């Protein structure tokens, strides 16, 4: 039998030469502001645990109680025997939280986006997406049978041109709420107005907005005062500000029933463990009731940006916990991240294909679990690392 290894190694070696090879680091502690990774103690600026709930004692206790009640696994898909009382309660609470008639749990955010797009779009339809959308939205577009077009990031003029032709049976505009590698917000009000004028549907994946944006943590739609009519398809993930795992879609009765009947990534996947659903109910209560977490996080964001500006560190224009530092060169971004980790600060080094070529960046993720002193120390270490790895040395 012919082995694929020889051919596969060629591609792997090329990725190493291009300084794009990815290596995993092993986390040895729970998520938190302070962690141990590959044997080294670090302050964690690489996690999406924006509100510091992933290791919260109330969330852990809810998980343990539910595991003792329901066991560890759900055993089957929701439509067979895997839909527990814990799942049902969480869906009802997420619907109330988002102010929508129904919510539906998915096992991952990737599956939610793929499932929604493929359940709603087919031959003769038109799907429009921002070019910087998350890979799960883009892959949903590539795999669905509709015509799929992408517009440059935030470019409403190009979007208008794509909306102009008459003929599609159904039009769906899909966008991130907060863009995961840039940290900026979608022009959601403008998108909603265009969708309304053209009779299109608007789908928002607010994975990085829930819990962070809005007075009550309801995400970008709450922050902008947009309701069900403006944004009929709202998606959130549970593994970021909620601190657990999974995803949900919130919308009308008809939308949720359609996904139950036609959403293949919902129908043919084992349900989340009930203990995860129970833990998420606890994190939802904390997210909703403890507004101080959002207040503290916003103060840290402002402090980080002011400190970086004072020391001449470039930043992308983000008001969210995602604070990208543009570097450009793939080798240099890895070297700077290495300097930071040696100094006790764990920061993500983001390279292609996650971002376009020539736009490598440090992705600094702030959390309500961080202190002002930790943010100040990061800024100082970043300035030192920036000087230690000048651009010319990072060229590959």
Protein backbone atom coordinates (compact mmCIF):
# COMPACT_ATOMS: atom_id res chain seq x y z
CA UNK A 1 0.00 0.00 0.00
CA UNK A 2 1.31 3.47 -0.91
CA UNK A 3 1.86 5.74 2.07
CA UNK A 4 0.90 9.43 1.78
CA UNK A 5 3.72 10.45 4.12
CA UNK A 6 6.32 11.45 1.51
CA UNK A 7 3.97 13.86 -0.21
CA UNK A 8 2.63 15.20 3.08
CA UNK A 9 6.12 15.89 4.42
CA UNK A 10 6.85 18.18 1.46
CA UNK A 11 3.99 20.46 2.45
CA UNK A 12 4.98 20.32 6.13
CA UNK A 13 8.58 21.25 5.36
CA UNK A 14 7.45 24.14 3.16
CA UNK A 15 5.32 25.48 6.00
CA UNK A 16 8.33 25.44 8.32
CA UNK A 17 10.48 27.30 5.77
CA UNK A 18 7.74 29.93 5.44
CA UNK A 19 7.69 30.38 9.26
CA UNK A 20 4.03 29.36 9.31
CA UNK A 21 4.39 26.04 11.13
CA UNK A 22 2.07 25.75 14.14
CA UNK A 23 3.10 24.12 17.40
CA UNK A 24 0.87 23.45 20.37
CA UNK A 25 1.72 24.58 23.87
CA UNK A 26 0.47 22.48 26.78
CA UNK A 27 -1.55 24.23 29.46
CA UNK A 28 -0.99 22.65 32.88
CA UNK A 29 -3.47 24.67 34.95
CA UNK A 30 -7.08 25.87 34.67
CA UNK A 31 -7.81 28.94 32.59
CA UNK A 32 -7.12 32.13 34.49
CA UNK A 33 -5.02 35.26 34.62
CA UNK A 34 -2.05 33.22 35.88
CA UNK A 35 -1.32 29.87 34.25
CA UNK A 36 1.48 27.39 33.72
CA UNK A 37 2.23 26.48 30.12
CA UNK A 38 4.96 24.04 29.07
CA UNK A 39 6.38 24.26 32.57
CA UNK A 40 6.58 28.06 32.61
CA UNK A 41 4.46 30.36 34.80
CA UNK A 42 2.83 33.09 32.68
CA UNK A 43 0.19 35.76 32.81
CA UNK A 44 -2.33 34.60 30.23
CA UNK A 45 -3.14 37.12 27.50
CA UNK A 46 -3.97 34.43 24.92
CA UNK A 47 -7.38 33.22 26.14
CA UNK A 48 -10.89 34.25 25.11
CA UNK A 49 -12.11 33.84 28.72
CA UNK A 50 -13.06 37.52 28.66
CA UNK A 51 -15.00 37.63 31.94
CA UNK A 52 -12.86 35.18 33.90
CA UNK A 53 -15.65 32.60 34.27
CA UNK A 54 -13.95 29.45 32.94
CA UNK A 55 -12.63 28.53 36.40
CA UNK A 56 -15.26 30.25 38.53
CA UNK A 57 -16.20 28.16 41.60
CA UNK A 58 -19.96 28.52 41.01
CA UNK A 59 -19.59 27.34 37.41
CA UNK A 60 -17.44 24.40 38.51
CA UNK A 61 -19.91 23.47 41.25
CA UNK A 62 -22.82 23.50 38.80
CA UNK A 63 -20.85 21.25 36.45
CA UNK A 64 -20.05 18.76 39.24
CA UNK A 65 -23.65 18.60 40.50
CA UNK A 66 -24.95 18.01 36.98
CA UNK A 67 -22.32 15.33 36.27
CA UNK A 68 -23.46 13.51 39.40
CA UNK A 69 -27.07 13.80 38.21
CA UNK A 70 -26.76 13.16 34.45
CA UNK A 71 -23.36 11.48 34.09
CA UNK A 72 -20.57 12.59 31.80
CA UNK A 73 -21.88 12.09 28.25
CA UNK A 74 -25.20 12.89 26.61
CA UNK A 75 -25.24 9.58 24.73
CA UNK A 76 -26.89 10.68 21.50
CA UNK A 77 -28.04 13.62 19.43
CA UNK A 78 -30.74 15.96 20.71
CA UNK A 79 -33.32 14.31 18.45
CA UNK A 80 -32.62 10.78 19.67
CA UNK A 81 -32.06 10.59 23.42
CA UNK A 82 -29.52 13.32 24.18
CA UNK A 83 -31.76 16.29 24.98
CA UNK A 84 -31.84 16.64 28.77
CA UNK A 85 -33.70 18.92 31.14
CA UNK A 86 -30.45 20.87 31.57
CA UNK A 87 -30.29 21.53 27.82
CA UNK A 88 -33.92 22.61 27.71
CA UNK A 89 -33.51 24.99 30.65
CA UNK A 90 -30.42 26.57 29.12
CA UNK A 91 -32.14 27.11 25.77
CA UNK A 92 -35.05 28.84 27.51
CA UNK A 93 -32.70 31.06 29.51
CA UNK A 94 -30.64 31.98 26.45
CA UNK A 95 -33.83 32.92 24.60
CA UNK A 96 -34.85 35.19 27.47
CA UNK A 97 -31.35 36.66 27.70
CA UNK A 98 -31.29 37.56 24.01
CA UNK A 99 -34.92 38.72 23.99
CA UNK A 100 -35.93 36.20 21.34
CA UNK A 101 -38.69 33.58 21.20
CA UNK A 102 -36.38 30.56 20.95
CA UNK A 103 -32.76 29.44 21.22
CA UNK A 104 -31.14 26.22 20.03
CA UNK A 105 -27.92 24.66 21.33
CA UNK A 106 -25.19 23.43 19.00
CA UNK A 107 -22.15 21.42 20.02
CA UNK A 108 -19.68 24.02 18.65
CA UNK A 109 -19.78 27.47 17.10
CA UNK A 110 -18.29 26.06 13.91
CA UNK A 111 -21.20 23.63 13.63
CA UNK A 112 -23.73 26.35 14.36
CA UNK A 113 -22.52 28.58 11.52
CA UNK A 114 -22.14 25.72 9.07
CA UNK A 115 -25.52 24.30 10.03
CA UNK A 116 -27.48 27.54 9.75
CA UNK A 117 -26.07 28.53 6.37
CA UNK A 118 -26.60 25.11 4.83
CA UNK A 119 -30.10 24.77 6.27
CA UNK A 120 -31.23 28.14 4.92
CA UNK A 121 -29.37 28.53 1.62
CA UNK A 122 -29.61 26.49 -1.56
CA UNK A 123 -29.50 26.70 -5.36
CA UNK A 124 -30.73 30.05 -6.66
CA UNK A 125 -29.91 31.86 -3.40
CA UNK A 126 -27.25 34.53 -2.78
CA UNK A 127 -24.95 34.53 0.25
CA UNK A 128 -22.88 37.65 1.02
CA UNK A 129 -20.12 37.77 3.62
CA UNK A 130 -17.43 40.08 4.94
CA UNK A 131 -14.04 38.85 3.74
CA UNK A 132 -12.68 38.79 7.31
CA UNK A 133 -15.47 36.62 8.72
CA UNK A 134 -14.53 33.66 10.86
CA UNK A 135 -13.52 30.48 9.02
CA UNK A 136 -16.72 28.73 10.12
CA UNK A 137 -18.88 31.29 8.32
CA UNK A 138 -16.67 31.19 5.23
CA UNK A 139 -16.64 27.39 5.14
CA UNK A 140 -20.42 27.38 5.44
CA UNK A 141 -20.47 29.57 2.35
CA UNK A 142 -18.01 27.44 0.40
CA UNK A 143 -19.99 24.27 1.14
CA UNK A 144 -23.53 25.50 0.60
CA UNK A 145 -25.08 25.33 -2.85
CA UNK A 146 -25.93 29.03 -3.07
CA UNK A 147 -23.96 31.63 -4.98
CA UNK A 148 -21.35 32.89 -2.51
CA UNK A 149 -19.74 36.35 -2.73
CA UNK A 150 -17.42 38.15 -0.31
CA UNK A 151 -17.02 41.92 0.04
CA UNK A 152 -13.87 43.68 1.34
CA UNK A 153 -13.87 44.21 5.09
CA UNK A 154 -16.60 46.68 6.03
CA UNK A 155 -16.97 47.89 2.44
CA UNK A 156 -20.62 48.90 2.13
CA UNK A 157 -20.20 50.29 -1.39
CA UNK A 158 -19.08 46.91 -2.72
CA UNK A 159 -21.88 45.24 -0.76
CA UNK A 160 -24.38 47.57 -2.44
CA UNK A 161 -23.11 46.44 -5.83
CA UNK A 162 -23.50 42.79 -4.91
CA UNK A 163 -27.03 43.45 -3.66
CA UNK A 164 -28.08 45.29 -6.81
CA UNK A 165 -28.76 42.35 -9.17
CA UNK A 166 -32.30 41.05 -9.22
CA UNK A 167 -33.00 37.36 -9.30
CA UNK A 168 -31.92 35.45 -6.19
CA UNK A 169 -34.67 33.48 -4.53
CA UNK A 170 -33.28 34.33 -1.09
CA UNK A 171 -30.47 36.66 0.08
CA UNK A 172 -28.51 36.19 3.30
CA UNK A 173 -25.90 38.63 4.62
CA UNK A 174 -23.65 36.99 7.22
CA UNK A 175 -21.11 38.79 9.38
CA UNK A 176 -19.09 38.54 12.55
CA UNK A 177 -20.27 40.94 15.24
CA UNK A 178 -16.74 41.42 16.60
CA UNK A 179 -14.00 40.37 14.18
CA UNK A 180 -11.86 37.85 15.99
CA UNK A 181 -8.43 38.89 14.69
CA UNK A 182 -8.98 42.65 14.32
CA UNK A 183 -11.19 43.29 17.34
CA UNK A 184 -13.34 45.83 15.49
CA UNK A 185 -17.12 45.84 15.19
CA UNK A 186 -19.24 45.11 12.15
CA UNK A 187 -21.15 48.14 10.78
CA UNK A 188 -24.29 46.37 11.91
CA UNK A 189 -26.67 49.31 11.65
CA UNK A 190 -25.68 49.86 8.02
CA UNK A 191 -25.93 46.14 7.27
CA UNK A 192 -29.39 45.97 8.83
CA UNK A 193 -30.59 48.94 6.79
CA UNK A 194 -29.34 47.38 3.56
CA UNK A 195 -30.84 44.01 4.40
CA UNK A 196 -34.19 45.66 5.08
CA UNK A 197 -34.12 47.68 1.87
CA UNK A 198 -33.25 44.64 -0.25
CA UNK A 199 -35.48 42.10 1.53
CA UNK A 200 -32.43 40.15 2.70
CA UNK A 201 -31.88 38.28 5.96
CA UNK A 202 -29.08 39.32 8.30
CA UNK A 203 -27.09 36.72 10.27
CA UNK A 204 -24.66 37.82 12.99
CA UNK A 205 -22.11 35.61 14.70
CA UNK A 206 -21.47 37.51 17.94
CA UNK A 207 -19.04 34.98 19.41
CA UNK A 208 -16.72 37.68 20.76
CA UNK A 209 -19.42 40.22 21.66
CA UNK A 210 -21.69 38.30 24.04
CA UNK A 211 -20.88 39.05 27.65
CA UNK A 212 -18.60 41.94 26.70
CA UNK A 213 -20.72 44.44 24.77
CA UNK A 214 -23.92 46.06 26.02
CA UNK A 215 -24.88 47.13 29.53
CA UNK A 216 -26.25 43.64 30.29
CA UNK A 217 -23.70 41.70 28.21
CA UNK A 218 -26.17 41.06 25.40
CA UNK A 219 -23.55 41.70 22.74
CA UNK A 220 -23.47 43.95 19.71
CA UNK A 221 -27.23 43.81 19.09
CA UNK A 222 -27.92 45.08 22.61
CA UNK A 223 -25.19 47.72 22.35
CA UNK A 224 -26.73 49.05 19.10
CA UNK A 225 -30.37 48.56 20.13
CA UNK A 226 -31.16 46.16 17.28
CA UNK A 227 -33.97 43.64 17.69
CA UNK A 228 -35.28 40.51 16.02
CA UNK A 229 -36.60 42.32 12.94
CA UNK A 230 -33.22 43.88 12.19
CA UNK A 231 -31.13 40.80 13.02
CA UNK A 232 -33.32 37.70 12.62
CA UNK A 233 -30.43 35.21 12.98
CA UNK A 234 -28.19 35.65 16.03
CA UNK A 235 -25.42 33.22 16.93
CA UNK A 236 -23.25 33.06 20.02
CA UNK A 237 -20.59 30.74 21.36
CA UNK A 238 -20.31 29.59 24.96
CA UNK A 239 -16.55 29.00 25.08
CA UNK A 240 -15.51 32.66 25.31
CA UNK A 241 -17.13 35.12 27.74
CA UNK A 242 -19.46 32.37 29.02
CA UNK A 243 -16.39 30.34 29.95
CA UNK A 244 -17.78 26.89 29.03
CA UNK A 245 -18.26 25.21 25.64
CA UNK A 246 -20.73 25.00 22.78
CA UNK A 247 -22.87 27.48 20.88
CA UNK A 248 -26.44 28.61 20.30
CA UNK A 249 -28.68 30.19 17.70
CA UNK A 250 -31.38 32.59 18.85
CA UNK A 251 -34.30 33.68 16.72
CA UNK A 252 -37.94 33.15 15.86
CA UNK A 253 -40.02 30.04 16.39
CA UNK A 254 -39.95 29.35 12.65
CA UNK A 255 -36.15 29.72 12.44
CA UNK A 256 -35.45 27.36 15.32
CA UNK A 257 -37.92 24.73 14.09
CA UNK A 258 -36.36 24.96 10.63
CA UNK A 259 -32.92 24.27 12.10
CA UNK A 260 -34.25 21.33 14.10
CA UNK A 261 -35.73 19.84 10.93
CA UNK A 262 -33.03 20.73 8.37
CA UNK A 263 -29.83 21.63 10.24
CA UNK A 264 -27.55 18.68 9.52
CA UNK A 265 -24.87 19.72 12.03
CA UNK A 266 -27.59 19.77 14.69
CA UNK A 267 -29.41 16.61 13.68
CA UNK A 268 -26.40 14.34 13.25
CA UNK A 269 -24.20 15.33 16.20
CA UNK A 270 -24.10 14.15 19.79
CA UNK A 271 -25.52 16.75 22.15
CA UNK A 272 -23.34 18.70 24.55
CA UNK A 273 -22.84 16.90 27.88
CA UNK A 274 -25.68 17.97 30.19
CA UNK A 275 -23.08 19.04 32.77
CA UNK A 276 -21.76 21.64 30.32
CA UNK A 277 -25.30 22.99 29.87
CA UNK A 278 -25.74 23.21 33.64
CA UNK A 279 -22.39 24.96 34.05
CA UNK A 280 -23.38 27.44 31.34
CA UNK A 281 -26.58 28.26 33.21
CA UNK A 282 -24.41 29.27 36.17
CA UNK A 283 -22.07 31.33 33.99
CA UNK A 284 -25.05 33.03 32.33
CA UNK A 285 -26.30 34.17 35.74
CA UNK A 286 -22.86 35.58 36.59
CA UNK A 287 -22.50 37.21 33.16
CA UNK A 288 -25.88 38.87 33.51
CA UNK A 289 -25.74 39.91 37.17
CA UNK A 290 -22.11 40.89 37.73
CA UNK A 291 -21.80 43.99 35.60
CA UNK A 292 -18.60 44.94 37.41
CA UNK A 293 -16.77 42.40 35.25
CA UNK A 294 -17.59 44.37 32.09
CA UNK A 295 -16.78 47.67 33.82
CA UNK A 296 -13.37 46.40 34.93
CA UNK A 297 -12.64 44.92 31.52
CA UNK A 298 -13.45 48.20 29.77
CA UNK A 299 -11.15 50.04 32.15
CA UNK A 300 -8.34 47.58 31.40
CA UNK A 301 -8.84 48.01 27.64
CA UNK A 302 -8.53 51.78 27.96
CA UNK A 303 -5.48 51.43 30.24
CA UNK A 304 -3.73 49.07 27.84
CA UNK A 305 -4.35 51.28 24.83
CA UNK A 306 -3.18 54.41 26.62
CA UNK A 307 -0.03 52.68 27.85
CA UNK A 308 0.79 51.25 24.44
CA UNK A 309 0.27 54.63 22.77
CA UNK A 310 2.56 56.31 25.29
CA UNK A 311 5.37 53.86 24.45
CA UNK A 312 4.87 54.00 20.68
CA UNK A 313 3.44 50.51 20.25
CA UNK A 314 1.13 50.35 17.23
CA UNK A 315 -2.40 49.03 17.74
CA UNK A 316 -5.37 48.35 15.49
CA UNK A 317 -8.47 50.46 16.29
CA UNK A 318 -10.30 48.11 18.66
CA UNK A 319 -12.46 48.93 21.68
CA UNK A 320 -12.95 45.25 22.56
CA UNK A 321 -10.82 42.84 24.65
CA UNK A 322 -9.13 41.76 21.39
CA UNK A 323 -6.14 44.11 21.05
CA UNK A 324 -4.08 43.31 17.94
CA UNK A 325 -0.52 44.64 17.62
CA UNK A 326 0.34 44.67 13.89
CA UNK A 327 3.82 43.30 13.14
CA UNK A 328 3.63 42.21 9.49
CA UNK A 329 6.57 39.82 9.32
CA UNK A 330 5.88 36.19 10.26
CA UNK A 331 9.31 35.56 11.76
CA UNK A 332 9.33 38.76 13.78
CA UNK A 333 5.91 38.14 15.32
CA UNK A 334 7.06 34.75 16.55
CA UNK A 335 10.26 36.22 17.97
CA UNK A 336 8.40 38.97 19.84
CA UNK A 337 5.93 36.47 21.25
CA UNK A 338 8.88 34.33 22.37
CA UNK A 339 10.45 37.29 24.17
CA UNK A 340 7.17 38.00 25.90
CA UNK A 341 6.72 34.40 27.03
CA UNK A 342 10.27 34.33 28.39
CA UNK A 343 9.33 37.43 30.39
CA UNK A 344 6.20 35.69 31.73
CA UNK A 345 3.51 36.96 29.34
CA UNK A 346 1.63 34.52 27.07
CA UNK A 347 0.39 36.25 23.91
CA UNK A 348 -0.84 34.73 20.65
CA UNK A 349 1.33 35.16 17.52
CA UNK A 350 -1.15 35.13 14.62
CA UNK A 351 0.12 34.39 11.11
CA UNK A 352 -1.35 33.34 7.76
CA UNK A 353 -3.60 31.68 6.85
CA UNK A 354 -5.51 32.89 9.93
CA UNK A 355 -4.85 36.44 8.72
CA UNK A 356 -3.90 37.68 5.23
CA UNK A 357 -0.24 37.51 4.18
CA UNK A 358 1.78 40.44 5.40
CA UNK A 359 -0.56 41.16 8.33
CA UNK A 360 0.89 38.95 11.08
CA UNK A 361 0.09 40.32 14.50
CA UNK A 362 0.20 39.74 18.21
CA UNK A 363 -3.32 39.06 19.43
CA UNK A 364 -3.59 40.30 23.01
CA UNK A 365 -6.78 39.17 24.75
CA UNK A 366 -7.70 41.03 27.93
CA UNK A 367 -9.89 39.56 30.66
CA UNK A 368 -11.80 40.80 33.68
CA UNK A 369 -9.55 38.40 35.63
CA UNK A 370 -6.51 40.59 34.91
CA UNK A 371 -5.31 43.30 37.26
CA UNK A 372 -4.12 46.77 36.36
CA UNK A 373 -0.61 45.79 37.45
CA UNK A 374 -0.61 42.81 35.07
CA UNK A 375 -1.68 44.99 32.15
CA UNK A 376 0.96 47.60 32.98
CA UNK A 377 3.64 44.89 33.14
CA UNK A 378 2.55 43.55 29.75
CA UNK A 379 2.85 46.99 28.16
CA UNK A 380 6.39 47.42 29.53
CA UNK A 381 7.41 43.93 28.39
CA UNK A 382 5.88 44.52 24.97
CA UNK A 383 7.87 47.73 24.51
CA UNK A 384 11.06 45.90 25.50
CA UNK A 385 10.37 42.98 23.14
CA UNK A 386 9.48 45.36 20.31
CA UNK A 387 12.89 47.01 20.60
CA UNK A 388 14.71 43.68 21.07
CA UNK A 389 13.43 42.28 17.75
CA UNK A 390 13.77 45.02 15.14
CA UNK A 391 11.99 44.52 11.86
CA UNK A 392 15.13 43.75 9.84
CA UNK A 393 16.01 40.77 12.06
CA UNK A 394 12.63 39.23 11.63
CA UNK A 395 12.77 38.97 7.85
CA UNK A 396 12.43 35.42 6.57
